[in-house]
């Protein structure tokens, strides 16, 4: 399966050789009304012609809900260096800093609601057109839009709760915040003594095997892969849309900026996800 390592850790950009395809609405300029209508019509036709869609989402779909991204020039990691998994394990100070950042960012995460793009994806799932959503996002907005948990494949985990790294016991963020505010730290798991961490995948942390296997199966079963809001440069996650295309599926990409796989895609739209998907699916 091209470009996917199920045993890998999250890593950065990797170059890929891809062939040219049609790009609609170029980066850096305003798309005309005719182009916008044409983009939507082409995407709608791709969806209508498919029998099994897999949707792959990145930070761009959630920025439209007010959640900041991580990797853009103005994103979170441009201002704050990420804490590596091995540092989290080794240093109590790094764990305290990770929890401080988490609790400081909670008001923004909690205020976010599913936007038009999320609702359009939910409609595809609800109507049986899309079998699953593979997401790099950790905000839980796909589930909040009404997509069943079983049909959301979270490659990078979920920031809306925490778990023990040893026994897997689940912990709610509110309870951990109370402990942190009282004691200045999040204590080890009372059940087994393991470290508690948000249920997300940090740099250097192994990718979740069950999610990777499920994403691989959904990718290979799809006849259309729709990418929404991902730069497609961070592997192994970005390998799934590439593998779908190389397995014979159509590939449509909707993202404000160019992506690492634009030249491989059957359709590329450089515009907002909510407007494009909402119009293509018929969701306000």
Foldseek 3Di string as FASTA:
>chain_A
DPLADLFDAWDFFDADDAAAADEQAAFPDDHDPVSLVVQLVVVLVLLVPWQEEEEEEECQQQVVQVDFHDPDCPGPCVPPPFDAPVNCVPDQVSQLVQLVVLVVCVVRLVSGAHALLLLLVQVCVVVNSYQAYEYQDASCRNVRSPDDPVRYQHFFFHQQWKAFPPPGHTGGSVVQVVVCVVPVGRFADPVPRGRMDGGGRGGPRTTDNVSSVVLQVSLLPTQEYEYEADQLGIPPSSVSLVVSLVSNHAYEYEDLHHHSCNRNHNYYHNDRSSVSSCSSRVHD
